[in-house]
Amino acid sequence: MPMNLSPEPEEAGLRPLSARSVVLSLLLGAHPAELPVKDLVRLVEPFGVGGSTLRAALSRMVTAGDLRRTDAVYRLSDRLLARQRRQDEALRPGTRAWDGDWEMVVITATGRGPAERAELRSRLAALRLAELREGVWLRPANLDRALPRLLGSVARTYTARPDEPAPDLVARLWPLDAWAGTARTLLARTATARTPADRLTAYAAAVRHLLTDPVLPPGLLPADWPGDALRAAYAGYQRELTASVGRRERAA
């Protein structure tokens, strides 16, 4: 059963903007991930977020552990800094030439509750692994990264050479047509969005979708795979946001 399910194009993560989502989008795209409140007030204005709404959202985000505050500067929490690293990696995934090997992770821990199992599944999916059957996760070994050592407490890792032809196995693990369809919908939305709020909504959905790109070897992807085009579009938007932050800081 394919595990890396993508939303249908009409449900492509185009969520209505909230003050929290605007703040997170700005900080997730900032390096370092921190902004003074005076800059945030100016930056969120084009997205229809007023000063009082912003300050209420910032207070809630600090209480929830999303942000840390030092004087009048807001920074992403450690948890969200990890999300920023995943987001950055989604834009520039490190890969290596594929020699036919597969990564395989077999879950060996027992007695875990539903929350622990769900959290582990999320961690494995974030590593771009897909579940062949319950407790058995794998992917082509073309990513230039090591699996976290923490997995050793709950799983065993292997290098495998499945007998099943790689294209057939990929087709069972990932719904590539559905992923590509959503990516093309998002590319179209990013190209036609005009207002700052509409553009941020479209690009926020784009980067969420890129987090689910399996980043497979080119030979296992359809010829018209839109992953690189979506990455390039979001990278351009991220540069725009960074430049906007810089201009506003110089004008302050």
C-alpha atoms as a PDB file:
ATOM      1  CA  MET A   1       0.000   0.000   0.000  1.00  0.00           C
ATOM      2  CA  PRO A   2       1.512   3.395  -0.906  1.00  0.00           C
ATOM      3  CA  MET A   3       2.328   5.293   2.251  1.00  0.00           C
ATOM      4  CA  ASN A   4       3.609   8.672   1.035  1.00  0.00           C
ATOM      5  CA  LEU A   5       0.135   9.829   0.089  1.00  0.00           C
ATOM      6  CA  SER A   6      -0.254  13.258  -1.484  1.00  0.00           C
ATOM      7  CA  PRO A   7      -3.364  15.390  -1.295  1.00  0.00           C
ATOM      8  CA  GLU A   8      -5.600  15.637  -4.287  1.00  0.00           C
ATOM      9  CA  PRO A   9      -4.933  18.789  -6.353  1.00  0.00           C
ATOM     10  CA  GLU A  10      -8.079  20.496  -5.037  1.00  0.00           C
ATOM     11  CA  GLU A  11      -6.826  19.806  -1.486  1.00  0.00           C
ATOM     12  CA  ALA A  12      -3.233  20.809  -2.130  1.00  0.00           C
ATOM     13  CA  GLY A  13      -2.606  22.352   1.269  1.00  0.00           C
ATOM     14  CA  LEU A  14      -3.954  25.788   0.308  1.00  0.00           C
ATOM     15  CA  ARG A  15      -4.944  26.684   3.850  1.00  0.00           C
ATOM     16  CA  PRO A  16      -6.349  30.110   4.763  1.00  0.00           C
ATOM     17  CA  LEU A  17      -3.698  32.365   6.269  1.00  0.00           C
ATOM     18  CA  SER A  18      -3.665  33.067   9.993  1.00  0.00           C
ATOM     19  CA  ALA A  19      -1.408  35.468  11.850  1.00  0.00           C
ATOM     20  CA  ARG A  20       0.503  32.455  13.180  1.00  0.00           C
ATOM     21  CA  SER A  21       1.058  30.996   9.703  1.00  0.00           C
ATOM     22  CA  VAL A  22       2.305  34.350   8.383  1.00  0.00           C
ATOM     23  CA  VAL A  23       4.772  34.737  11.265  1.00  0.00           C
ATOM     24  CA  LEU A  24       6.019  31.162  10.906  1.00  0.00           C
ATOM     25  CA  SER A  25       6.442  31.497   7.141  1.00  0.00           C
ATOM     26  CA  LEU A  26       8.528  34.634   7.598  1.00  0.00           C
ATOM     27  CA  LEU A  27      10.700  33.176  10.347  1.00  0.00           C
ATOM     28  CA  LEU A  28      11.121  29.788   8.662  1.00  0.00           C
ATOM     29  CA  GLY A  29      12.477  31.624   5.627  1.00  0.00           C
ATOM     30  CA  ALA A  30      14.817  33.848   7.661  1.00  0.00           C
ATOM     31  CA  HIS A  31      18.433  32.918   8.423  1.00  0.00           C
ATOM     32  CA  PRO A  32      18.958  33.377  11.314  1.00  0.00           C
ATOM     33  CA  ALA A  33      15.342  32.623  12.219  1.00  0.00           C
ATOM     34  CA  GLU A  34      14.708  35.722  14.314  1.00  0.00           C
ATOM     35  CA  LEU A  35      13.109  39.124  13.810  1.00  0.00           C
ATOM     36  CA  PRO A  36      12.465  42.136  16.043  1.00  0.00           C
ATOM     37  CA  VAL A  37       8.804  42.802  16.697  1.00  0.00           C
ATOM     38  CA  LYS A  38       9.056  46.193  14.952  1.00  0.00           C
ATOM     39  CA  ASP A  39      10.127  44.424  11.742  1.00  0.00           C
ATOM     40  CA  LEU A  40       7.417  41.792  12.113  1.00  0.00           C
ATOM     41  CA  VAL A  41       4.790  44.533  12.411  1.00  0.00           C
ATOM     42  CA  ARG A  42       5.896  45.977   9.074  1.00  0.00           C
ATOM     43  CA  LEU A  43       6.380  42.629   7.358  1.00  0.00           C
ATOM     44  CA  VAL A  44       2.953  41.174   8.204  1.00  0.00           C
ATOM     45  CA  GLU A  45       1.014  44.271   7.167  1.00  0.00           C
ATOM     46  CA  PRO A  46       0.867  43.347   3.437  1.00  0.00           C
ATOM     47  CA  PHE A  47      -0.702  40.018   4.464  1.00  0.00           C
ATOM     48  CA  GLY A  48      -3.621  41.716   6.214  1.00  0.00           C
ATOM     49  CA  VAL A  49      -2.369  41.154   9.771  1.00  0.00           C
ATOM     50  CA  GLY A  50      -2.732  44.175  12.053  1.00  0.00           C
ATOM     51  CA  GLY A  51      -0.479  45.094  14.938  1.00  0.00           C
ATOM     52  CA  SER A  52      -2.839  44.032  17.728  1.00  0.00           C
ATOM     53  CA  THR A  53      -3.583  40.723  15.991  1.00  0.00           C
ATOM     54  CA  LEU A  54       0.149  40.127  15.544  1.00  0.00           C
ATOM     55  CA  ARG A  55       0.966  40.791  19.185  1.00  0.00           C
ATOM     56  CA  ALA A  56      -1.791  38.459  20.365  1.00  0.00           C
ATOM     57  CA  ALA A  57      -0.508  35.754  18.032  1.00  0.00           C
ATOM     58  CA  LEU A  58       3.088  36.235  19.209  1.00  0.00           C
ATOM     59  CA  SER A  59       1.999  35.891  22.844  1.00  0.00           C
ATOM     60  CA  ARG A  60       0.133  32.664  22.093  1.00  0.00           C
ATOM     61  CA  MET A  61       3.077  31.293  20.107  1.00  0.00           C
ATOM     62  CA  VAL A  62       5.505  31.936  22.964  1.00  0.00           C
ATOM     63  CA  THR A  63       3.135  30.227  25.404  1.00  0.00           C
ATOM     64  CA  ALA A  64       2.762  27.263  23.024  1.00  0.00           C
ATOM     65  CA  GLY A  65       6.524  26.884  22.663  1.00  0.00           C
ATOM     66  CA  ASP A  66       6.657  27.918  19.002  1.00  0.00           C
ATOM     67  CA  LEU A  67       8.764  31.008  19.668  1.00  0.00           C
ATOM     68  CA  ARG A  68      11.305  32.276  22.167  1.00  0.00           C
ATOM     69  CA  ARG A  69      11.450  35.958  23.071  1.00  0.00           C
ATOM     70  CA  THR A  70      14.501  37.935  24.149  1.00  0.00           C
ATOM     71  CA  ASP A  71      13.680  41.577  24.778  1.00  0.00           C
ATOM     72  CA  ALA A  72      11.774  42.569  21.608  1.00  0.00           C
ATOM     73  CA  VAL A  73      13.235  39.865  19.329  1.00  0.00           C
ATOM     74  CA  TYR A  74      11.312  36.687  18.485  1.00  0.00           C
ATOM     75  CA  ARG A  75      13.125  33.481  17.512  1.00  0.00           C
ATOM     76  CA  LEU A  76      11.970  30.054  16.436  1.00  0.00           C
ATOM     77  CA  SER A  77      12.001  27.405  19.159  1.00  0.00           C
ATOM     78  CA  ASP A  78      14.351  24.432  18.851  1.00  0.00           C
ATOM     79  CA  ARG A  79      11.457  22.311  17.605  1.00  0.00           C
ATOM     80  CA  LEU A  80      10.707  24.733  14.798  1.00  0.00           C
ATOM     81  CA  LEU A  81      14.397  25.196  14.008  1.00  0.00           C
ATOM     82  CA  ALA A  82      14.401  21.460  13.282  1.00  0.00           C
ATOM     83  CA  ARG A  83      11.444  22.054  10.966  1.00  0.00           C
ATOM     84  CA  GLN A  84      13.391  24.844   9.251  1.00  0.00           C
ATOM     85  CA  ARG A  85      16.298  22.444   8.688  1.00  0.00           C
ATOM     86  CA  ARG A  86      13.909  19.918   7.119  1.00  0.00           C
ATOM     87  CA  GLN A  87      12.424  22.667   4.973  1.00  0.00           C
ATOM     88  CA  ASP A  88      15.874  23.807   3.823  1.00  0.00           C
ATOM     89  CA  GLU A  89      16.813  20.220   3.034  1.00  0.00           C
ATOM     90  CA  ALA A  90      13.602  19.830   1.031  1.00  0.00           C
ATOM     91  CA  LEU A  91      14.776  22.663  -1.211  1.00  0.00           C
ATOM     92  CA  ARG A  92      18.296  21.289  -1.572  1.00  0.00           C
ATOM     93  CA  PRO A  93      18.167  17.528  -0.924  1.00  0.00           C
ATOM     94  CA  GLY A  94      21.588  15.937  -0.917  1.00  0.00           C
ATOM     95  CA  THR A  95      21.770  12.964  -3.270  1.00  0.00           C
ATOM     96  CA  ARG A  96      24.368  10.581  -4.621  1.00  0.00           C
ATOM     97  CA  ALA A  97      24.536   8.274  -7.611  1.00  0.00           C
ATOM     98  CA  TRP A  98      22.300   5.256  -7.093  1.00  0.00           C
ATOM     99  CA  ASP A  99      23.919   1.822  -7.439  1.00  0.00           C
ATOM    100  CA  GLY A 100      20.761  -0.265  -6.923  1.00  0.00           C
ATOM    101  CA  ASP A 101      20.959  -0.595  -3.129  1.00  0.00           C
ATOM    102  CA  TRP A 102      17.949   0.159  -0.912  1.00  0.00           C
ATOM    103  CA  GLU A 103      17.795   1.384   2.677  1.00  0.00           C
ATOM    104  CA  MET A 104      15.590  -0.848   4.813  1.00  0.00           C
ATOM    105  CA  VAL A 105      14.364  -0.163   8.353  1.00  0.00           C
ATOM    106  CA  VAL A 106      12.616  -2.948  10.264  1.00  0.00           C
ATOM    107  CA  ILE A 107      10.807  -1.954  13.456  1.00  0.00           C
ATOM    108  CA  THR A 108      11.728  -4.329  16.275  1.00  0.00           C
ATOM    109  CA  ALA A 109      10.377  -2.507  19.361  1.00  0.00           C
ATOM    110  CA  THR A 110       7.134  -3.773  20.845  1.00  0.00           C
ATOM    111  CA  GLY A 111       4.686  -2.535  23.440  1.00  0.00           C
ATOM    112  CA  ARG A 112       4.567   1.037  22.182  1.00  0.00           C
ATOM    113  CA  GLY A 113       1.358   3.025  22.518  1.00  0.00           C
ATOM    114  CA  PRO A 114      -0.538   4.621  19.602  1.00  0.00           C
ATOM    115  CA  ALA A 115       1.087   8.032  20.108  1.00  0.00           C
ATOM    116  CA  GLU A 116       4.589   6.550  20.059  1.00  0.00           C
ATOM    117  CA  ARG A 117       3.816   4.515  16.936  1.00  0.00           C
ATOM    118  CA  ALA A 118       2.395   7.572  15.179  1.00  0.00           C
ATOM    119  CA  GLU A 119       5.426   9.656  16.115  1.00  0.00           C
ATOM    120  CA  LEU A 120       7.798   6.981  14.780  1.00  0.00           C
ATOM    121  CA  ARG A 121       5.854   6.728  11.532  1.00  0.00           C
ATOM    122  CA  SER A 122       6.124  10.498  11.117  1.00  0.00           C
ATOM    123  CA  ARG A 123       9.878  10.368  11.725  1.00  0.00           C
ATOM    124  CA  LEU A 124      10.354   7.619   9.155  1.00  0.00           C
ATOM    125  CA  ALA A 125       8.214   9.414   6.579  1.00  0.00           C
ATOM    126  CA  ALA A 126      10.257  12.581   7.182  1.00  0.00           C
ATOM    127  CA  LEU A 127      13.333  10.522   6.273  1.00  0.00           C
ATOM    128  CA  ARG A 128      11.596   9.864   2.916  1.00  0.00           C
ATOM    129  CA  LEU A 129      11.117   6.193   3.682  1.00  0.00           C
ATOM    130  CA  ALA A 130       7.911   4.413   2.666  1.00  0.00           C
ATOM    131  CA  GLU A 131       6.195   1.473   4.378  1.00  0.00           C
ATOM    132  CA  LEU A 132       6.103  -1.740   2.385  1.00  0.00           C
ATOM    133  CA  ARG A 133       4.157  -3.526   5.117  1.00  0.00           C
ATOM    134  CA  GLU A 134       3.650  -2.876   8.798  1.00  0.00           C
ATOM    135  CA  GLY A 135       7.031  -2.295  10.398  1.00  0.00           C
ATOM    136  CA  VAL A 136       9.083  -2.549   7.177  1.00  0.00           C
ATOM    137  CA  TRP A 137      10.218   0.735   5.612  1.00  0.00           C
ATOM    138  CA  LEU A 138      12.529   1.254   2.664  1.00  0.00           C
ATOM    139  CA  ARG A 139      13.686   3.495  -0.157  1.00  0.00           C
ATOM    140  CA  PRO A 140      16.443   3.599  -2.777  1.00  0.00           C
ATOM    141  CA  ALA A 141      19.786   4.423  -1.144  1.00  0.00           C
ATOM    142  CA  ASN A 142      20.422   7.606  -3.148  1.00  0.00           C
ATOM    143  CA  LEU A 143      20.197  10.174  -0.349  1.00  0.00           C
ATOM    144  CA  ASP A 144      23.473  11.607   0.908  1.00  0.00           C
ATOM    145  CA  ARG A 145      22.645  11.199   4.575  1.00  0.00           C
ATOM    146  CA  ALA A 146      22.919   8.638   7.331  1.00  0.00           C
ATOM    147  CA  LEU A 147      19.908   7.326   9.212  1.00  0.00           C
ATOM    148  CA  PRO A 148      19.695   8.707  12.778  1.00  0.00           C
ATOM    149  CA  ARG A 149      21.421   6.544  15.372  1.00  0.00           C
ATOM    150  CA  LEU A 150      18.399   6.983  17.636  1.00  0.00           C
ATOM    151  CA  LEU A 151      16.560   4.550  15.364  1.00  0.00           C
ATOM    152  CA  GLY A 152      18.753   1.827  16.832  1.00  0.00           C
ATOM    153  CA  SER A 153      16.624   1.752  19.969  1.00  0.00           C
ATOM    154  CA  VAL A 154      13.462   0.788  18.072  1.00  0.00           C
ATOM    155  CA  ALA A 155      14.596  -0.699  14.766  1.00  0.00           C
ATOM    156  CA  ARG A 156      17.276  -2.478  12.771  1.00  0.00           C
ATOM    157  CA  THR A 157      18.638  -1.007   9.563  1.00  0.00           C
ATOM    158  CA  TYR A 158      19.840  -2.908   6.512  1.00  0.00           C
ATOM    159  CA  THR A 159      21.096  -2.444   2.990  1.00  0.00           C
ATOM    160  CA  ALA A 160      18.953  -4.519   0.649  1.00  0.00           C
ATOM    161  CA  ARG A 161      18.687  -5.560  -3.005  1.00  0.00           C
ATOM    162  CA  PRO A 162      15.023  -6.481  -3.573  1.00  0.00           C
ATOM    163  CA  ASP A 163      14.251  -9.117  -6.191  1.00  0.00           C
ATOM    164  CA  GLU A 164      11.257  -7.087  -7.370  1.00  0.00           C
ATOM    165  CA  PRO A 165      12.099  -4.698 -10.228  1.00  0.00           C
ATOM    166  CA  ALA A 166      12.789  -1.250  -8.828  1.00  0.00           C
ATOM    167  CA  PRO A 167      10.127   0.556 -10.944  1.00  0.00           C
ATOM    168  CA  ASP A 168       7.456  -1.897  -9.769  1.00  0.00           C
ATOM    169  CA  LEU A 169       8.468  -1.500  -6.137  1.00  0.00           C
ATOM    170  CA  VAL A 170       8.501   2.299  -6.433  1.00  0.00           C
ATOM    171  CA  ALA A 171       5.007   2.209  -7.936  1.00  0.00           C
ATOM    172  CA  ARG A 172       3.759   0.251  -4.907  1.00  0.00           C
ATOM    173  CA  LEU A 173       5.410   2.567  -2.386  1.00  0.00           C
ATOM    174  CA  TRP A 174       4.716   6.041  -3.771  1.00  0.00           C
ATOM    175  CA  PRO A 175       1.721   7.444  -5.695  1.00  0.00           C
ATOM    176  CA  LEU A 176       3.942   9.409  -8.058  1.00  0.00           C
ATOM    177  CA  ASP A 177       1.145  10.493 -10.386  1.00  0.00           C
ATOM    178  CA  ALA A 178      -0.841  11.964  -7.497  1.00  0.00           C
ATOM    179  CA  TRP A 179       2.228  13.771  -6.122  1.00  0.00           C
ATOM    180  CA  ALA A 180       3.047  15.195  -9.534  1.00  0.00           C
ATOM    181  CA  GLY A 181      -0.544  16.296 -10.099  1.00  0.00           C
ATOM    182  CA  THR A 182      -0.574  18.233  -6.842  1.00  0.00           C
ATOM    183  CA  ALA A 183       2.822  19.773  -7.640  1.00  0.00           C
ATOM    184  CA  ARG A 184       1.577  20.997 -11.020  1.00  0.00           C
ATOM    185  CA  THR A 185      -1.514  22.480  -9.397  1.00  0.00           C
ATOM    186  CA  LEU A 186       0.685  24.327  -6.915  1.00  0.00           C
ATOM    187  CA  LEU A 187       2.992  25.564  -9.677  1.00  0.00           C
ATOM    188  CA  ALA A 188      -0.023  26.970 -11.484  1.00  0.00           C
ATOM    189  CA  ARG A 189      -1.296  28.621  -8.297  1.00  0.00           C
ATOM    190  CA  THR A 190       2.082  30.199  -7.544  1.00  0.00           C
ATOM    191  CA  ALA A 191       2.274  31.554 -11.093  1.00  0.00           C
ATOM    192  CA  THR A 192      -1.175  33.176 -10.991  1.00  0.00           C
ATOM    193  CA  ALA A 193      -1.298  34.396  -7.371  1.00  0.00           C
ATOM    194  CA  ARG A 194      -1.073  38.176  -7.274  1.00  0.00           C
ATOM    195  CA  THR A 195      -1.702  39.491  -3.758  1.00  0.00           C
ATOM    196  CA  PRO A 196       0.917  38.963  -1.031  1.00  0.00           C
ATOM    197  CA  ALA A 197      -1.542  36.833   0.961  1.00  0.00           C
ATOM    198  CA  ASP A 198      -2.413  34.617  -2.019  1.00  0.00           C
ATOM    199  CA  ARG A 199       1.261  34.166  -2.896  1.00  0.00           C
ATOM    200  CA  LEU A 200       2.232  33.266   0.655  1.00  0.00           C
ATOM    201  CA  THR A 201      -0.630  30.778   0.847  1.00  0.00           C
ATOM    202  CA  ALA A 202       0.414  29.107  -2.409  1.00  0.00           C
ATOM    203  CA  TYR A 203       4.121  28.967  -1.573  1.00  0.00           C
ATOM    204  CA  ALA A 204       3.517  27.724   1.978  1.00  0.00           C
ATOM    205  CA  ALA A 205       1.549  24.844   0.456  1.00  0.00           C
ATOM    206  CA  ALA A 206       4.371  24.286  -2.039  1.00  0.00           C
ATOM    207  CA  VAL A 207       7.048  23.882   0.608  1.00  0.00           C
ATOM    208  CA  ARG A 208       4.814  21.528   2.640  1.00  0.00           C
ATOM    209  CA  HIS A 209       4.372  19.429  -0.487  1.00  0.00           C
ATOM    210  CA  LEU A 210       8.131  19.378  -1.127  1.00  0.00           C
ATOM    211  CA  LEU A 211       8.612  17.802   2.302  1.00  0.00           C
ATOM    212  CA  THR A 212       6.796  14.730   0.917  1.00  0.00           C
ATOM    213  CA  ASP A 213       8.806  14.497  -2.328  1.00  0.00           C
ATOM    214  CA  PRO A 214      10.421  11.024  -2.219  1.00  0.00           C
ATOM    215  CA  VAL A 215      13.547  12.378  -4.005  1.00  0.00           C
ATOM    216  CA  LEU A 216      13.985   9.188  -5.984  1.00  0.00           C
ATOM    217  CA  PRO A 217      16.818   8.455  -8.427  1.00  0.00           C
ATOM    218  CA  PRO A 218      16.093  10.124 -11.789  1.00  0.00           C
ATOM    219  CA  GLY A 219      15.792   6.764 -13.542  1.00  0.00           C
ATOM    220  CA  LEU A 220      12.859   5.823 -11.297  1.00  0.00           C
ATOM    221  CA  LEU A 221      10.900   9.040 -11.889  1.00  0.00           C
ATOM    222  CA  PRO A 222       8.507   9.935 -14.720  1.00  0.00           C
ATOM    223  CA  ALA A 223      10.175  11.964 -17.450  1.00  0.00           C
ATOM    224  CA  ASP A 224       8.140  15.093 -16.656  1.00  0.00           C
ATOM    225  CA  TRP A 225       8.575  14.983 -12.877  1.00  0.00           C
ATOM    226  CA  PRO A 226       7.842  18.501 -11.492  1.00  0.00           C
ATOM    227  CA  GLY A 227       9.834  18.283  -8.253  1.00  0.00           C
ATOM    228  CA  ASP A 228      12.767  20.432  -9.399  1.00  0.00           C
ATOM    229  CA  ALA A 229      10.442  23.040 -10.923  1.00  0.00           C
ATOM    230  CA  LEU A 230       8.509  23.352  -7.656  1.00  0.00           C
ATOM    231  CA  ARG A 231      11.767  23.639  -5.689  1.00  0.00           C
ATOM    232  CA  ALA A 232      13.029  26.362  -8.025  1.00  0.00           C
ATOM    233  CA  ALA A 233       9.761  28.302  -7.752  1.00  0.00           C
ATOM    234  CA  TYR A 234       9.799  28.211  -3.948  1.00  0.00           C
ATOM    235  CA  ALA A 235      13.508  29.081  -3.772  1.00  0.00           C
ATOM    236  CA  GLY A 236      12.798  32.192  -5.850  1.00  0.00           C
ATOM    237  CA  TYR A 237       9.992  33.215  -3.516  1.00  0.00           C
ATOM    238  CA  GLN A 238      12.191  32.624  -0.481  1.00  0.00           C
ATOM    239  CA  ARG A 239      14.800  34.980  -1.976  1.00  0.00           C
ATOM    240  CA  GLU A 240      12.075  37.596  -2.422  1.00  0.00           C
ATOM    241  CA  LEU A 241      11.069  37.319   1.246  1.00  0.00           C
ATOM    242  CA  THR A 242      14.697  37.513   2.377  1.00  0.00           C
ATOM    243  CA  ALA A 243      15.257  40.609   0.240  1.00  0.00           C
ATOM    244  CA  SER A 244      12.078  42.164   1.647  1.00  0.00           C
ATOM    245  CA  VAL A 245      13.280  41.605   5.204  1.00  0.00           C
ATOM    246  CA  GLY A 246      16.633  43.180   4.314  1.00  0.00           C
ATOM    247  CA  ARG A 247      15.032  46.226   2.722  1.00  0.00           C
ATOM    248  CA  ARG A 248      12.781  46.828   5.714  1.00  0.00           C
ATOM    249  CA  GLU A 249      15.662  46.426   8.156  1.00  0.00           C
ATOM    250  CA  ARG A 250      17.710  49.020   6.222  1.00  0.00           C
ATOM    251  CA  ALA A 251      14.745  51.387   6.156  1.00  0.00           C
ATOM    252  CA  ALA A 252      14.129  51.083   9.892  1.00  0.00           C
END
